[in-house]
Amino acid sequence: MTSVVVFDYGTGNVHSAVKALELAGADVTLTSDRRTALEASGLVVPGVGAFSAVMGALTAVRGDEIVDRRIAGGRPVLGICVGMQVLFEHGVERGSDTEGLGEWPGTVTQLPAKILPHMGWNTVTPDPDSRLFAGIEDERFYFVHSFAAQEWTLEVTPPFPRPRLTWAEHGGPFLAAVENGPLSATQFHPEKSGEAGIRLLKNWIGTLRD
């Protein structure tokens, strides 16, 4: 079985993420241990709540260094919900600008929707070459958020692979998922998205064996 660490840094739906990954076929460890997180085949970084709180908790256990080292070494990471948002350079919430991990350029801002949070099931528009959404392109996924990355500005040139972007709509378009080399992320919660979410996690686990 493929080894996956769910990074336990004090925030996120860690136990539901562990269960979903186990159902998807992974050998899962819930830990904040640096060495275990660095050596696993895949690392999952969940996150719920405020951008600033997640960044504070993550950096307190040197999670920022772990993510950076894994990406630099081409070792897969999957961010979920606010675990996706903190991969960008900045998060702006209620007038507060918080520095993110900076793996991708851009700023996470409030969705321009009349009803917030964006809570419930929604469809997505996957990239035609998406591996995460292979076979589940028309499924619905479960979202709970008021903020998101609403544009993509990273320019990638060969020989680096083209990022695969998946979009959704709530008051306007926003990034529902990104696949960028070893770094992937979903704004929705796969662990709350039923069978479609399990299949997406299974697709991600499949990429760890490449």
Foldseek 3Di string as FASTA:
>chain_A
DAEEEEEPLPFFPRVLVQVLLVVLPYDYDYYNDLVSLLPGLEYEYEHDDDLQVSQVSCVVSPVLVSVVVCVVVLRAYEYEASRVQLCEQWEADPNDIDGGSHVFYAYKYFAQAPDPDPFAKFAKQWFPPDLLCVPPNGAIFTAHGGIAGADHDDDDDPPFDDKIFMWTDHNHIGTQKIDGRRYIYGNTDLSPGPPSSSSSSSSNSVVSVD
